[in-house]
């Protein structure tokens, strides 16, 4: 348990505490995909605050579900390995990170084309 202490001017009993709500979503940067020879690909990115990690992916740019892999551990450096990838196939993907207050960001935004990698 943590306590907050406030200074009060002598002769007054006025305390002022201000609370704000965090409704700012995390910022996602440096999204990258590395295709591995063993039939996997590793997707990495960073966030400006502690968040979980999720990658939605698929072989059709307009349909990235139901394929997804996630990690609920909070981090600022994210790495998700996708397995069971078909050879000679183009995959489309987006990453999503959500903070403790459920503020979420998806990169690229859903209105934009997803990112791609090709499993050779």
PDB file of N, CA and C in Angstrom:
ATOM      1  N   UNK A   1       0.843  -1.166   0.000  1.00  0.00           N
ATOM      2  CA  UNK A   1       0.000   0.000   0.000  1.00  0.00           C
ATOM      3  C   UNK A   1       0.890   1.231   0.000  1.00  0.00           C
ATOM      4  N   UNK A   2       0.513   2.241  -0.787  1.00  0.00           N
ATOM      5  CA  UNK A   2       1.245   3.491  -0.838  1.00  0.00           C
ATOM      6  C   UNK A   2       0.372   4.609  -0.287  1.00  0.00           C
ATOM      7  N   UNK A   3       1.004   5.576   0.339  1.00  0.00           N
ATOM      8  CA  UNK A   3       0.295   6.726   0.886  1.00  0.00           C
ATOM      9  C   UNK A   3       0.805   7.987   0.226  1.00  0.00           C
ATOM     10  N   UNK A   4      -0.078   8.975   0.073  1.00  0.00           N
ATOM     11  CA  UNK A   4       0.317  10.278  -0.441  1.00  0.00           C
ATOM     12  C   UNK A   4       0.275  11.282   0.698  1.00  0.00           C
ATOM     13  N   UNK A   5       1.255  12.158   0.762  1.00  0.00           N
ATOM     14  CA  UNK A   5       1.317  13.186   1.787  1.00  0.00           C
ATOM     15  C   UNK A   5       1.248  14.545   1.105  1.00  0.00           C
ATOM     16  N   UNK A   6       0.450  15.449   1.696  1.00  0.00           N
ATOM     17  CA  UNK A   6       0.271  16.778   1.140  1.00  0.00           C
ATOM     18  C   UNK A   6       0.670  17.814   2.173  1.00  0.00           C
ATOM     19  N   UNK A   7       1.334  18.855   1.709  1.00  0.00           N
ATOM     20  CA  UNK A   7       1.667  19.970   2.592  1.00  0.00           C
ATOM     21  C   UNK A   7       0.444  20.874   2.709  1.00  0.00           C
ATOM     22  N   UNK A   8       0.231  21.423   3.893  1.00  0.00           N
ATOM     23  CA  UNK A   8      -0.889  22.328   4.127  1.00  0.00           C
ATOM     24  C   UNK A   8      -0.343  23.575   4.789  1.00  0.00           C
ATOM     25  N   UNK A   9      -0.785  24.731   4.312  1.00  0.00           N
ATOM     26  CA  UNK A   9      -0.354  25.993   4.921  1.00  0.00           C
ATOM     27  C   UNK A   9      -0.874  26.064   6.347  1.00  0.00           C
ATOM     28  N   UNK A  10      -0.081  26.581   7.266  1.00  0.00           N
ATOM     29  CA  UNK A  10      -0.518  26.692   8.666  1.00  0.00           C
ATOM     30  C   UNK A  10      -1.855  27.440   8.778  1.00  0.00           C
ATOM     31  N   UNK A  11      -2.737  26.934   9.602  1.00  0.00           N
ATOM     32  CA  UNK A  11      -4.019  27.579   9.838  1.00  0.00           C
ATOM     33  C   UNK A  11      -5.096  27.220   8.829  1.00  0.00           C
ATOM     34  N   UNK A  12      -4.801  26.348   7.851  1.00  0.00           N
ATOM     35  CA  UNK A  12      -5.828  25.938   6.882  1.00  0.00           C
ATOM     36  C   UNK A  12      -6.009  24.432   6.948  1.00  0.00           C
ATOM     37  N   UNK A  13      -7.140  23.995   6.499  1.00  0.00           N
ATOM     38  CA  UNK A  13      -7.405  22.561   6.411  1.00  0.00           C
ATOM     39  C   UNK A  13      -7.823  22.200   4.989  1.00  0.00           C
ATOM     40  N   UNK A  14      -7.174  22.832   4.024  1.00  0.00           N
ATOM     41  CA  UNK A  14      -7.561  22.623   2.636  1.00  0.00           C
ATOM     42  C   UNK A  14      -6.532  21.727   1.953  1.00  0.00           C
ATOM     43  N   UNK A  15      -7.015  20.616   1.510  1.00  0.00           N
ATOM     44  CA  UNK A  15      -6.195  19.682   0.748  1.00  0.00           C
ATOM     45  C   UNK A  15      -6.783  19.587  -0.650  1.00  0.00           C
ATOM     46  N   UNK A  16      -5.943  19.577  -1.646  1.00  0.00           N
ATOM     47  CA  UNK A  16      -6.426  19.436  -3.011  1.00  0.00           C
ATOM     48  C   UNK A  16      -5.661  18.289  -3.662  1.00  0.00           C
ATOM     49  N   UNK A  17      -6.398  17.312  -4.128  1.00  0.00           N
ATOM     50  CA  UNK A  17      -5.796  16.193  -4.871  1.00  0.00           C
ATOM     51  C   UNK A  17      -6.471  16.140  -6.232  1.00  0.00           C
ATOM     52  N   UNK A  18      -5.679  16.027  -7.262  1.00  0.00           N
ATOM     53  CA  UNK A  18      -6.213  15.971  -8.619  1.00  0.00           C
ATOM     54  C   UNK A  18      -5.868  14.628  -9.233  1.00  0.00           C
ATOM     55  N   UNK A  19      -6.852  13.990  -9.793  1.00  0.00           N
ATOM     56  CA  UNK A  19      -6.664  12.700 -10.436  1.00  0.00           C
ATOM     57  C   UNK A  19      -7.042  12.825 -11.899  1.00  0.00           C
ATOM     58  N   UNK A  20      -6.300  12.188 -12.746  1.00  0.00           N
ATOM     59  CA  UNK A  20      -6.636  12.184 -14.166  1.00  0.00           C
ATOM     60  C   UNK A  20      -6.789  10.739 -14.627  1.00  0.00           C
ATOM     61  N   UNK A  21      -7.563  10.562 -15.652  1.00  0.00           N
ATOM     62  CA  UNK A  21      -7.785   9.242 -16.225  1.00  0.00           C
ATOM     63  C   UNK A  21      -6.822   9.066 -17.395  1.00  0.00           C
ATOM     64  N   UNK A  22      -6.137   7.944 -17.415  1.00  0.00           N
ATOM     65  CA  UNK A  22      -5.254   7.628 -18.544  1.00  0.00           C
ATOM     66  C   UNK A  22      -6.095   7.033 -19.658  1.00  0.00           C
ATOM     67  N   UNK A  23      -6.361   7.832 -20.679  1.00  0.00           N
ATOM     68  CA  UNK A  23      -7.072   7.316 -21.843  1.00  0.00           C
ATOM     69  C   UNK A  23      -6.219   7.475 -23.096  1.00  0.00           C
ATOM     70  N   UNK A  24      -4.912   7.562 -22.883  1.00  0.00           N
ATOM     71  CA  UNK A  24      -3.970   7.695 -23.992  1.00  0.00           C
ATOM     72  C   UNK A  24      -3.483   6.319 -24.421  1.00  0.00           C
ATOM     73  N   UNK A  25      -3.710   5.956 -25.679  1.00  0.00           N
ATOM     74  CA  UNK A  25      -3.234   4.645 -26.126  1.00  0.00           C
ATOM     75  C   UNK A  25      -1.717   4.633 -26.270  1.00  0.00           C
ATOM     76  N   UNK A  26      -1.125   3.453 -26.204  1.00  0.00           N
ATOM     77  CA  UNK A  26       0.323   3.348 -26.393  1.00  0.00           C
ATOM     78  C   UNK A  26       0.721   3.698 -27.825  1.00  0.00           C
ATOM     79  N   UNK A  27       1.967   4.103 -27.983  1.00  0.00           N
ATOM     80  CA  UNK A  27       2.521   4.382 -29.305  1.00  0.00           C
ATOM     81  C   UNK A  27       3.360   3.181 -29.727  1.00  0.00           C
ATOM     82  N   UNK A  28       3.074   2.647 -30.916  1.00  0.00           N
ATOM     83  CA  UNK A  28       3.812   1.500 -31.463  1.00  0.00           C
ATOM     84  C   UNK A  28       4.812   2.003 -32.498  1.00  0.00           C
ATOM     85  N   UNK A  29       6.056   1.538 -32.393  1.00  0.00           N
ATOM     86  CA  UNK A  29       7.090   1.893 -33.369  1.00  0.00           C
ATOM     87  C   UNK A  29       7.919   0.665 -33.723  1.00  0.00           C
ATOM     88  N   UNK A  30       8.695   0.794 -34.776  1.00  0.00           N
ATOM     89  CA  UNK A  30       9.711  -0.194 -35.174  1.00  0.00           C
ATOM     90  C   UNK A  30       9.149  -1.592 -35.392  1.00  0.00           C
ATOM     91  N   UNK A  31       8.018  -1.690 -36.084  1.00  0.00           N
ATOM     92  CA  UNK A  31       7.451  -3.011 -36.380  1.00  0.00           C
ATOM     93  C   UNK A  31       8.297  -3.670 -37.465  1.00  0.00           C
ATOM     94  N   UNK A  32       8.678  -4.927 -37.232  1.00  0.00           N
ATOM     95  CA  UNK A  32       9.512  -5.654 -38.196  1.00  0.00           C
ATOM     96  C   UNK A  32       9.128  -7.129 -38.191  1.00  0.00           C
ATOM     97  N   UNK A  33       9.352  -7.772 -39.328  1.00  0.00           N
ATOM     98  CA  UNK A  33       9.129  -9.218 -39.456  1.00  0.00           C
ATOM     99  C   UNK A  33      10.415  -9.861 -39.954  1.00  0.00           C
ATOM    100  N   UNK A  34      10.825 -10.936 -39.282  1.00  0.00           N
ATOM    101  CA  UNK A  34      11.990 -11.710 -39.702  1.00  0.00           C
ATOM    102  C   UNK A  34      11.507 -13.125 -39.974  1.00  0.00           C
ATOM    103  N   UNK A  35      11.705 -13.576 -41.203  1.00  0.00           N
ATOM    104  CA  UNK A  35      11.306 -14.933 -41.584  1.00  0.00           C
ATOM    105  C   UNK A  35      12.447 -15.880 -41.240  1.00  0.00           C
ATOM    106  N   UNK A  36      12.112 -16.951 -40.531  1.00  0.00           N
ATOM    107  CA  UNK A  36      13.105 -17.935 -40.105  1.00  0.00           C
ATOM    108  C   UNK A  36      13.023 -19.180 -40.999  1.00  0.00           C
ATOM    109  N   UNK A  37      14.123 -19.879 -41.120  1.00  0.00           N
ATOM    110  CA  UNK A  37      14.193 -21.051 -42.001  1.00  0.00           C
ATOM    111  C   UNK A  37      13.364 -22.231 -41.501  1.00  0.00           C
ATOM    112  N   UNK A  38      12.960 -22.222 -40.235  1.00  0.00           N
ATOM    113  CA  UNK A  38      12.260 -23.374 -39.658  1.00  0.00           C
ATOM    114  C   UNK A  38      10.733 -23.308 -39.788  1.00  0.00           C
ATOM    115  N   UNK A  39      10.230 -22.477 -40.696  1.00  0.00           N
ATOM    116  CA  UNK A  39       8.783 -22.390 -40.883  1.00  0.00           C
ATOM    117  C   UNK A  39       8.099 -21.429 -39.932  1.00  0.00           C
ATOM    118  N   UNK A  40       8.870 -20.527 -39.330  1.00  0.00           N
ATOM    119  CA  UNK A  40       8.312 -19.530 -38.429  1.00  0.00           C
ATOM    120  C   UNK A  40       8.696 -18.132 -38.898  1.00  0.00           C
ATOM    121  N   UNK A  41       8.037 -17.145 -38.334  1.00  0.00           N
ATOM    122  CA  UNK A  41       8.422 -15.746 -38.533  1.00  0.00           C
ATOM    123  C   UNK A  41       8.319 -15.065 -37.173  1.00  0.00           C
ATOM    124  N   UNK A  42       9.246 -14.169 -36.902  1.00  0.00           N
ATOM    125  CA  UNK A  42       9.246 -13.435 -35.647  1.00  0.00           C
ATOM    126  C   UNK A  42       8.876 -11.985 -35.925  1.00  0.00           C
ATOM    127  N   UNK A  43       7.815 -11.526 -35.269  1.00  0.00           N
ATOM    128  CA  UNK A  43       7.345 -10.160 -35.417  1.00  0.00           C
ATOM    129  C   UNK A  43       7.775  -9.397 -34.166  1.00  0.00           C
ATOM    130  N   UNK A  44       8.443  -8.251 -34.353  1.00  0.00           N
ATOM    131  CA  UNK A  44       8.914  -7.455 -33.227  1.00  0.00           C
ATOM    132  C   UNK A  44       8.422  -6.015 -33.359  1.00  0.00           C
ATOM    133  N   UNK A  45       8.268  -5.347 -32.211  1.00  0.00           N
ATOM    134  CA  UNK A  45       7.937  -3.928 -32.181  1.00  0.00           C
ATOM    135  C   UNK A  45       8.192  -3.387 -30.785  1.00  0.00           C
ATOM    136  N   UNK A  46       8.129  -2.071 -30.660  1.00  0.00           N
ATOM    137  CA  UNK A  46       8.295  -1.436 -29.369  1.00  0.00           C
ATOM    138  C   UNK A  46       7.088  -0.544 -29.073  1.00  0.00           C
ATOM    139  N   UNK A  47       6.858  -0.310 -27.778  1.00  0.00           N
ATOM    140  CA  UNK A  47       5.814   0.608 -27.333  1.00  0.00           C
ATOM    141  C   UNK A  47       6.407   1.576 -26.323  1.00  0.00           C
ATOM    142  N   UNK A  48       5.743   2.705 -26.148  1.00  0.00           N
ATOM    143  CA  UNK A  48       6.240   3.726 -25.231  1.00  0.00           C
ATOM    144  C   UNK A  48       5.787   3.527 -23.786  1.00  0.00           C
ATOM    145  N   UNK A  49       5.037   2.458 -23.527  1.00  0.00           N
ATOM    146  CA  UNK A  49       4.615   2.115 -22.173  1.00  0.00           C
ATOM    147  C   UNK A  49       4.420   0.603 -22.096  1.00  0.00           C
ATOM    148  N   UNK A  50       4.264   0.093 -20.901  1.00  0.00           N
ATOM    149  CA  UNK A  50       4.071  -1.343 -20.713  1.00  0.00           C
ATOM    150  C   UNK A  50       2.729  -1.771 -21.309  1.00  0.00           C
ATOM    151  N   UNK A  51       2.774  -2.765 -22.199  1.00  0.00           N
ATOM    152  CA  UNK A  51       1.565  -3.266 -22.859  1.00  0.00           C
ATOM    153  C   UNK A  51       1.691  -4.762 -23.101  1.00  0.00           C
ATOM    154  N   UNK A  52       0.556  -5.378 -23.452  1.00  0.00           N
ATOM    155  CA  UNK A  52       0.586  -6.763 -23.899  1.00  0.00           C
ATOM    156  C   UNK A  52       0.929  -6.789 -25.391  1.00  0.00           C
ATOM    157  N   UNK A  53       0.915  -7.969 -25.995  1.00  0.00           N
ATOM    158  CA  UNK A  53       1.335  -8.135 -27.392  1.00  0.00           C
ATOM    159  C   UNK A  53       0.368  -9.045 -28.132  1.00  0.00           C
ATOM    160  N   UNK A  54       0.008  -8.644 -29.351  1.00  0.00           N
ATOM    161  CA  UNK A  54      -0.852  -9.497 -30.172  1.00  0.00           C
ATOM    162  C   UNK A  54      -0.530  -9.264 -31.644  1.00  0.00           C
ATOM    163  N   UNK A  55      -0.490 -10.351 -32.403  1.00  0.00           N
ATOM    164  CA  UNK A  55      -0.318 -10.281 -33.850  1.00  0.00           C
ATOM    165  C   UNK A  55      -1.497 -11.002 -34.487  1.00  0.00           C
ATOM    166  N   UNK A  56      -2.224 -10.291 -35.348  1.00  0.00           N
ATOM    167  CA  UNK A  56      -3.261 -10.900 -36.181  1.00  0.00           C
ATOM    168  C   UNK A  56      -2.663 -11.074 -37.564  1.00  0.00           C
ATOM    169  N   UNK A  57      -2.839 -12.243 -38.154  1.00  0.00           N
ATOM    170  CA  UNK A  57      -2.206 -12.496 -39.449  1.00  0.00           C
ATOM    171  C   UNK A  57      -3.049 -13.446 -40.279  1.00  0.00           C
ATOM    172  N   UNK A  58      -2.733 -13.483 -41.558  1.00  0.00           N
ATOM    173  CA  UNK A  58      -3.437 -14.378 -42.461  1.00  0.00           C
ATOM    174  C   UNK A  58      -2.897 -14.254 -43.869  1.00  0.00           C
ATOM    175  N   UNK A  59      -3.461 -15.016 -44.782  1.00  0.00           N
ATOM    176  CA  UNK A  59      -3.004 -15.018 -46.171  1.00  0.00           C
ATOM    177  C   UNK A  59      -3.869 -14.137 -47.066  1.00  0.00           C
ATOM    178  N   UNK A  60      -4.915 -13.543 -46.507  1.00  0.00           N
ATOM    179  CA  UNK A  60      -5.752 -12.594 -47.236  1.00  0.00           C
ATOM    180  C   UNK A  60      -5.669 -11.248 -46.536  1.00  0.00           C
ATOM    181  N   UNK A  61      -5.368 -10.194 -47.272  1.00  0.00           N
ATOM    182  CA  UNK A  61      -5.159  -8.889 -46.639  1.00  0.00           C
ATOM    183  C   UNK A  61      -6.403  -8.370 -45.931  1.00  0.00           C
ATOM    184  N   UNK A  62      -7.584  -8.753 -46.391  1.00  0.00           N
ATOM    185  CA  UNK A  62      -8.814  -8.276 -45.780  1.00  0.00           C
ATOM    186  C   UNK A  62      -9.323  -9.144 -44.648  1.00  0.00           C
ATOM    187  N   UNK A  63      -8.639 -10.262 -44.366  1.00  0.00           N
ATOM    188  CA  UNK A  63      -9.118 -11.171 -43.335  1.00  0.00           C
ATOM    189  C   UNK A  63      -7.939 -11.712 -42.529  1.00  0.00           C
ATOM    190  N   UNK A  64      -7.623 -11.032 -41.439  1.00  0.00           N
ATOM    191  CA  UNK A  64      -6.481 -11.445 -40.620  1.00  0.00           C
ATOM    192  C   UNK A  64      -6.900 -12.288 -39.427  1.00  0.00           C
ATOM    193  N   UNK A  65      -8.133 -12.671 -39.357  1.00  0.00           N
ATOM    194  CA  UNK A  65      -8.591 -13.523 -38.268  1.00  0.00           C
ATOM    195  C   UNK A  65      -9.135 -14.802 -38.871  1.00  0.00           C
ATOM    196  N   UNK A  66      -9.196 -15.893 -38.209  1.00  0.00           N
ATOM    197  CA  UNK A  66      -8.997 -16.038 -36.779  1.00  0.00           C
ATOM    198  C   UNK A  66      -7.553 -16.317 -36.379  1.00  0.00           C
ATOM    199  N   UNK A  67      -6.599 -16.139 -37.287  1.00  0.00           N
ATOM    200  CA  UNK A  67      -5.211 -16.426 -36.926  1.00  0.00           C
ATOM    201  C   UNK A  67      -4.629 -15.287 -36.103  1.00  0.00           C
ATOM    202  N   UNK A  68      -4.248 -15.589 -34.873  1.00  0.00           N
ATOM    203  CA  UNK A  68      -3.557 -14.602 -34.050  1.00  0.00           C
ATOM    204  C   UNK A  68      -2.738 -15.321 -32.986  1.00  0.00           C
ATOM    205  N   UNK A  69      -1.728 -14.633 -32.552  1.00  0.00           N
ATOM    206  CA  UNK A  69      -0.880 -15.117 -31.464  1.00  0.00           C
ATOM    207  C   UNK A  69      -0.686 -13.947 -30.513  1.00  0.00           C
ATOM    208  N   UNK A  70      -0.786 -14.214 -29.211  1.00  0.00           N
ATOM    209  CA  UNK A  70      -0.674 -13.118 -28.252  1.00  0.00           C
ATOM    210  C   UNK A  70       0.156 -13.530 -27.043  1.00  0.00           C
ATOM    211  N   UNK A  71       0.569 -12.498 -26.306  1.00  0.00           N
ATOM    212  CA  UNK A  71       1.312 -12.679 -25.072  1.00  0.00           C
ATOM    213  C   UNK A  71       0.795 -11.627 -24.099  1.00  0.00           C
ATOM    214  N   UNK A  72       0.237 -12.051 -22.985  1.00  0.00           N
ATOM    215  CA  UNK A  72      -0.342 -11.143 -22.003  1.00  0.00           C
ATOM    216  C   UNK A  72       0.659 -10.473 -21.084  1.00  0.00           C
ATOM    217  N   UNK A  73       1.925 -10.869 -21.158  1.00  0.00           N
ATOM    218  CA  UNK A  73       2.947 -10.239 -20.313  1.00  0.00           C
ATOM    219  C   UNK A  73       3.158  -8.797 -20.751  1.00  0.00           C
ATOM    220  N   UNK A  74       3.299  -7.905 -19.788  1.00  0.00           N
ATOM    221  CA  UNK A  74       3.492  -6.495 -20.091  1.00  0.00           C
ATOM    222  C   UNK A  74       4.961  -6.208 -20.375  1.00  0.00           C
ATOM    223  N   UNK A  75       5.203  -5.465 -21.472  1.00  0.00           N
ATOM    224  CA  UNK A  75       6.568  -5.146 -21.888  1.00  0.00           C
ATOM    225  C   UNK A  75       6.546  -3.907 -22.774  1.00  0.00           C
ATOM    226  N   UNK A  76       7.722  -3.362 -23.040  1.00  0.00           N
ATOM    227  CA  UNK A  76       7.848  -2.284 -24.028  1.00  0.00           C
ATOM    228  C   UNK A  76       8.557  -2.783 -25.289  1.00  0.00           C
ATOM    229  N   UNK A  77       9.225  -3.913 -25.193  1.00  0.00           N
ATOM    230  CA  UNK A  77       9.876  -4.555 -26.329  1.00  0.00           C
ATOM    231  C   UNK A  77       9.149  -5.870 -26.575  1.00  0.00           C
ATOM    232  N   UNK A  78       8.550  -6.003 -27.742  1.00  0.00           N
ATOM    233  CA  UNK A  78       7.649  -7.120 -28.013  1.00  0.00           C
ATOM    234  C   UNK A  78       8.214  -8.041 -29.096  1.00  0.00           C
ATOM    235  N   UNK A  79       7.975  -9.331 -28.922  1.00  0.00           N
ATOM    236  CA  UNK A  79       8.416 -10.335 -29.891  1.00  0.00           C
ATOM    237  C   UNK A  79       7.426 -11.497 -29.861  1.00  0.00           C
ATOM    238  N   UNK A  80       6.824 -11.751 -31.009  1.00  0.00           N
ATOM    239  CA  UNK A  80       5.875 -12.859 -31.151  1.00  0.00           C
ATOM    240  C   UNK A  80       6.352 -13.722 -32.311  1.00  0.00           C
ATOM    241  N   UNK A  81       6.435 -15.027 -32.072  1.00  0.00           N
ATOM    242  CA  UNK A  81       6.830 -15.956 -33.124  1.00  0.00           C
ATOM    243  C   UNK A  81       5.594 -16.668 -33.667  1.00  0.00           C
ATOM    244  N   UNK A  82       5.420 -16.581 -34.978  1.00  0.00           N
ATOM    245  CA  UNK A  82       4.324 -17.255 -35.666  1.00  0.00           C
ATOM    246  C   UNK A  82       4.860 -18.568 -36.207  1.00  0.00           C
ATOM    247  N   UNK A  83       4.146 -19.664 -35.970  1.00  0.00           N
ATOM    248  CA  UNK A  83       4.633 -20.970 -36.410  1.00  0.00           C
ATOM    249  C   UNK A  83       3.654 -21.616 -37.375  1.00  0.00           C
ATOM    250  N   UNK A  84       4.106 -22.689 -37.998  1.00  0.00           N
ATOM    251  CA  UNK A  84       3.258 -23.442 -38.927  1.00  0.00           C
ATOM    252  C   UNK A  84       2.974 -22.710 -40.220  1.00  0.00           C
ATOM    253  N   UNK A  85       3.886 -21.862 -40.651  1.00  0.00           N
ATOM    254  CA  UNK A  85       3.665 -21.075 -41.865  1.00  0.00           C
ATOM    255  C   UNK A  85       3.912 -21.918 -43.112  1.00  0.00           C
ATOM    256  N   UNK A  86       3.080 -21.706 -44.115  1.00  0.00           N
ATOM    257  CA  UNK A  86       3.206 -22.447 -45.377  1.00  0.00           C
ATOM    258  C   UNK A  86       4.338 -21.837 -46.210  1.00  0.00           C
ATOM    259  N   UNK A  87       5.120 -22.685 -46.877  1.00  0.00           N
ATOM    260  CA  UNK A  87       6.194 -22.156 -47.724  1.00  0.00           C
ATOM    261  C   UNK A  87       5.637 -21.420 -48.942  1.00  0.00           C
ATOM    262  N   UNK A  88       6.429 -20.485 -49.454  1.00  0.00           N
ATOM    263  CA  UNK A  88       6.094 -19.708 -50.650  1.00  0.00           C
ATOM    264  C   UNK A  88       4.737 -19.015 -50.528  1.00  0.00           C
ATOM    265  N   UNK A  89       4.466 -18.481 -49.365  1.00  0.00           N
ATOM    266  CA  UNK A  89       3.177 -17.848 -49.095  1.00  0.00           C
ATOM    267  C   UNK A  89       3.388 -16.445 -48.546  1.00  0.00           C
ATOM    268  N   UNK A  90       2.608 -15.506 -49.049  1.00  0.00           N
ATOM    269  CA  UNK A  90       2.618 -14.140 -48.530  1.00  0.00           C
ATOM    270  C   UNK A  90       1.655 -14.073 -47.347  1.00  0.00           C
ATOM    271  N   UNK A  91       2.127 -13.526 -46.242  1.00  0.00           N
ATOM    272  CA  UNK A  91       1.304 -13.337 -45.045  1.00  0.00           C
ATOM    273  C   UNK A  91       1.129 -11.843 -44.787  1.00  0.00           C
ATOM    274  N   UNK A  92      -0.051 -11.474 -44.346  1.00  0.00           N
ATOM    275  CA  UNK A  92      -0.391 -10.109 -43.974  1.00  0.00           C
ATOM    276  C   UNK A  92      -0.547 -10.070 -42.458  1.00  0.00           C
ATOM    277  N   UNK A  93      -0.162  -8.945 -41.838  1.00  0.00           N
ATOM    278  CA  UNK A  93      -0.260  -8.899 -40.377  1.00  0.00           C
ATOM    279  C   UNK A  93      -0.413  -7.488 -39.852  1.00  0.00           C
ATOM    280  N   UNK A  94      -0.939  -7.414 -38.644  1.00  0.00           N
ATOM    281  CA  UNK A  94      -1.022  -6.187 -37.843  1.00  0.00           C
ATOM    282  C   UNK A  94      -0.628  -6.546 -36.414  1.00  0.00           C
ATOM    283  N   UNK A  95      -0.066  -5.581 -35.707  1.00  0.00           N
ATOM    284  CA  UNK A  95       0.248  -5.787 -34.298  1.00  0.00           C
ATOM    285  C   UNK A  95      -0.668  -4.898 -33.462  1.00  0.00           C
ATOM    286  N   UNK A  96      -1.025  -5.383 -32.289  1.00  0.00           N
ATOM    287  CA  UNK A  96      -1.855  -4.617 -31.356  1.00  0.00           C
ATOM    288  C   UNK A  96      -1.242  -4.710 -29.974  1.00  0.00           C
ATOM    289  N   UNK A  97      -1.207  -3.582 -29.286  1.00  0.00           N
ATOM    290  CA  UNK A  97      -0.733  -3.537 -27.909  1.00  0.00           C
ATOM    291  C   UNK A  97      -1.761  -2.789 -27.073  1.00  0.00           C
ATOM    292  N   UNK A  98      -2.016  -3.318 -25.861  1.00  0.00           N
ATOM    293  CA  UNK A  98      -3.021  -2.754 -24.959  1.00  0.00           C
ATOM    294  C   UNK A  98      -2.388  -2.581 -23.580  1.00  0.00           C
ATOM    295  N   UNK A  99      -2.594  -1.398 -22.979  1.00  0.00           N
ATOM    296  CA  UNK A  99      -2.031  -1.162 -21.651  1.00  0.00           C
ATOM    297  C   UNK A  99      -2.974  -1.668 -20.559  1.00  0.00           C
ATOM    298  N   UNK A 100      -2.594  -1.459 -19.305  1.00  0.00           N
ATOM    299  CA  UNK A 100      -3.371  -1.972 -18.176  1.00  0.00           C
ATOM    300  C   UNK A 100      -4.786  -1.398 -18.091  1.00  0.00           C
ATOM    301  N   UNK A 101      -4.993  -0.221 -18.672  1.00  0.00           N
ATOM    302  CA  UNK A 101      -6.312   0.412 -18.626  1.00  0.00           C
ATOM    303  C   UNK A 101      -7.108   0.166 -19.905  1.00  0.00           C
ATOM    304  N   UNK A 102      -6.670  -0.821 -20.687  1.00  0.00           N
ATOM    305  CA  UNK A 102      -7.340  -1.231 -21.934  1.00  0.00           C
ATOM    306  C   UNK A 102      -7.287  -0.192 -23.043  1.00  0.00           C
ATOM    307  N   UNK A 103      -6.342   0.744 -22.981  1.00  0.00           N
ATOM    308  CA  UNK A 103      -6.085   1.633 -24.107  1.00  0.00           C
ATOM    309  C   UNK A 103      -5.269   0.834 -25.116  1.00  0.00           C
ATOM    310  N   UNK A 104      -5.776   0.716 -26.328  1.00  0.00           N
ATOM    311  CA  UNK A 104      -5.124  -0.144 -27.324  1.00  0.00           C
ATOM    312  C   UNK A 104      -4.773   0.630 -28.585  1.00  0.00           C
ATOM    313  N   UNK A 105      -3.722   0.160 -29.244  1.00  0.00           N
ATOM    314  CA  UNK A 105      -3.297   0.696 -30.534  1.00  0.00           C
ATOM    315  C   UNK A 105      -3.000  -0.474 -31.455  1.00  0.00           C
ATOM    316  N   UNK A 106      -3.398  -0.328 -32.712  1.00  0.00           N
ATOM    317  CA  UNK A 106      -3.090  -1.320 -33.737  1.00  0.00           C
ATOM    318  C   UNK A 106      -2.260  -0.644 -34.813  1.00  0.00           C
ATOM    319  N   UNK A 107      -1.229  -1.338 -35.265  1.00  0.00           N
ATOM    320  CA  UNK A 107      -0.334  -0.814 -36.299  1.00  0.00           C
ATOM    321  C   UNK A 107      -0.135  -1.847 -37.388  1.00  0.00           C
ATOM    322  N   UNK A 108      -0.341  -1.511 -38.641  1.00  0.00           N
ATOM    323  CA  UNK A 108      -0.946  -0.278 -39.095  1.00  0.00           C
ATOM    324  C   UNK A 108      -2.427  -0.229 -38.720  1.00  0.00           C
ATOM    325  N   UNK A 109      -2.978   0.987 -38.708  1.00  0.00           N
ATOM    326  CA  UNK A 109      -4.375   1.130 -38.326  1.00  0.00           C
ATOM    327  C   UNK A 109      -5.248   0.325 -39.285  1.00  0.00           C
ATOM    328  N   UNK A 110      -6.380  -0.184 -38.821  1.00  0.00           N
ATOM    329  CA  UNK A 110      -7.210  -1.045 -39.660  1.00  0.00           C
ATOM    330  C   UNK A 110      -7.649  -0.426 -40.996  1.00  0.00           C
ATOM    331  N   UNK A 111      -7.721   0.904 -41.068  1.00  0.00           N
ATOM    332  CA  UNK A 111      -8.112   1.543 -42.335  1.00  0.00           C
ATOM    333  C   UNK A 111      -6.992   1.480 -43.380  1.00  0.00           C
ATOM    334  N   UNK A 112      -5.784   1.168 -42.952  1.00  0.00           N
ATOM    335  CA  UNK A 112      -4.637   1.065 -43.864  1.00  0.00           C
ATOM    336  C   UNK A 112      -4.365  -0.384 -44.220  1.00  0.00           C
ATOM    337  N   UNK A 113      -3.600  -0.568 -45.283  1.00  0.00           N
ATOM    338  CA  UNK A 113      -3.210  -1.922 -45.680  1.00  0.00           C
ATOM    339  C   UNK A 113      -2.329  -2.546 -44.607  1.00  0.00           C
ATOM    340  N   UNK A 114      -2.471  -3.860 -44.354  1.00  0.00           N
ATOM    341  CA  UNK A 114      -1.602  -4.508 -43.371  1.00  0.00           C
ATOM    342  C   UNK A 114      -0.175  -4.627 -43.893  1.00  0.00           C
ATOM    343  N   UNK A 115       0.739  -4.941 -42.986  1.00  0.00           N
ATOM    344  CA  UNK A 115       2.135  -5.205 -43.350  1.00  0.00           C
ATOM    345  C   UNK A 115       2.222  -6.612 -43.922  1.00  0.00           C
ATOM    346  N   UNK A 116       3.321  -6.934 -44.598  1.00  0.00           N
ATOM    347  CA  UNK A 116       3.459  -8.259 -45.215  1.00  0.00           C
ATOM    348  C   UNK A 116       4.848  -8.836 -44.980  1.00  0.00           C
ATOM    349  N   UNK A 117       4.907 -10.160 -45.084  1.00  0.00           N
ATOM    350  CA  UNK A 117       6.174 -10.876 -45.211  1.00  0.00           C
ATOM    351  C   UNK A 117       5.891 -12.109 -46.052  1.00  0.00           C
ATOM    352  N   UNK A 118       6.922 -12.656 -46.663  1.00  0.00           N
ATOM    353  CA  UNK A 118       6.764 -13.857 -47.484  1.00  0.00           C
ATOM    354  C   UNK A 118       7.609 -14.963 -46.903  1.00  0.00           C
ATOM    355  N   UNK A 119       6.957 -16.091 -46.619  1.00  0.00           N
ATOM    356  CA  UNK A 119       7.682 -17.239 -46.104  1.00  0.00           C
ATOM    357  C   UNK A 119       8.178 -18.032 -47.303  1.00  0.00           C
ATOM    358  N   UNK A 120       9.486 -18.018 -47.506  1.00  0.00           N
ATOM    359  CA  UNK A 120      10.080 -18.653 -48.681  1.00  0.00           C
ATOM    360  C   UNK A 120      10.239 -20.158 -48.512  1.00  0.00           C
TER     361      UNK A 120
END
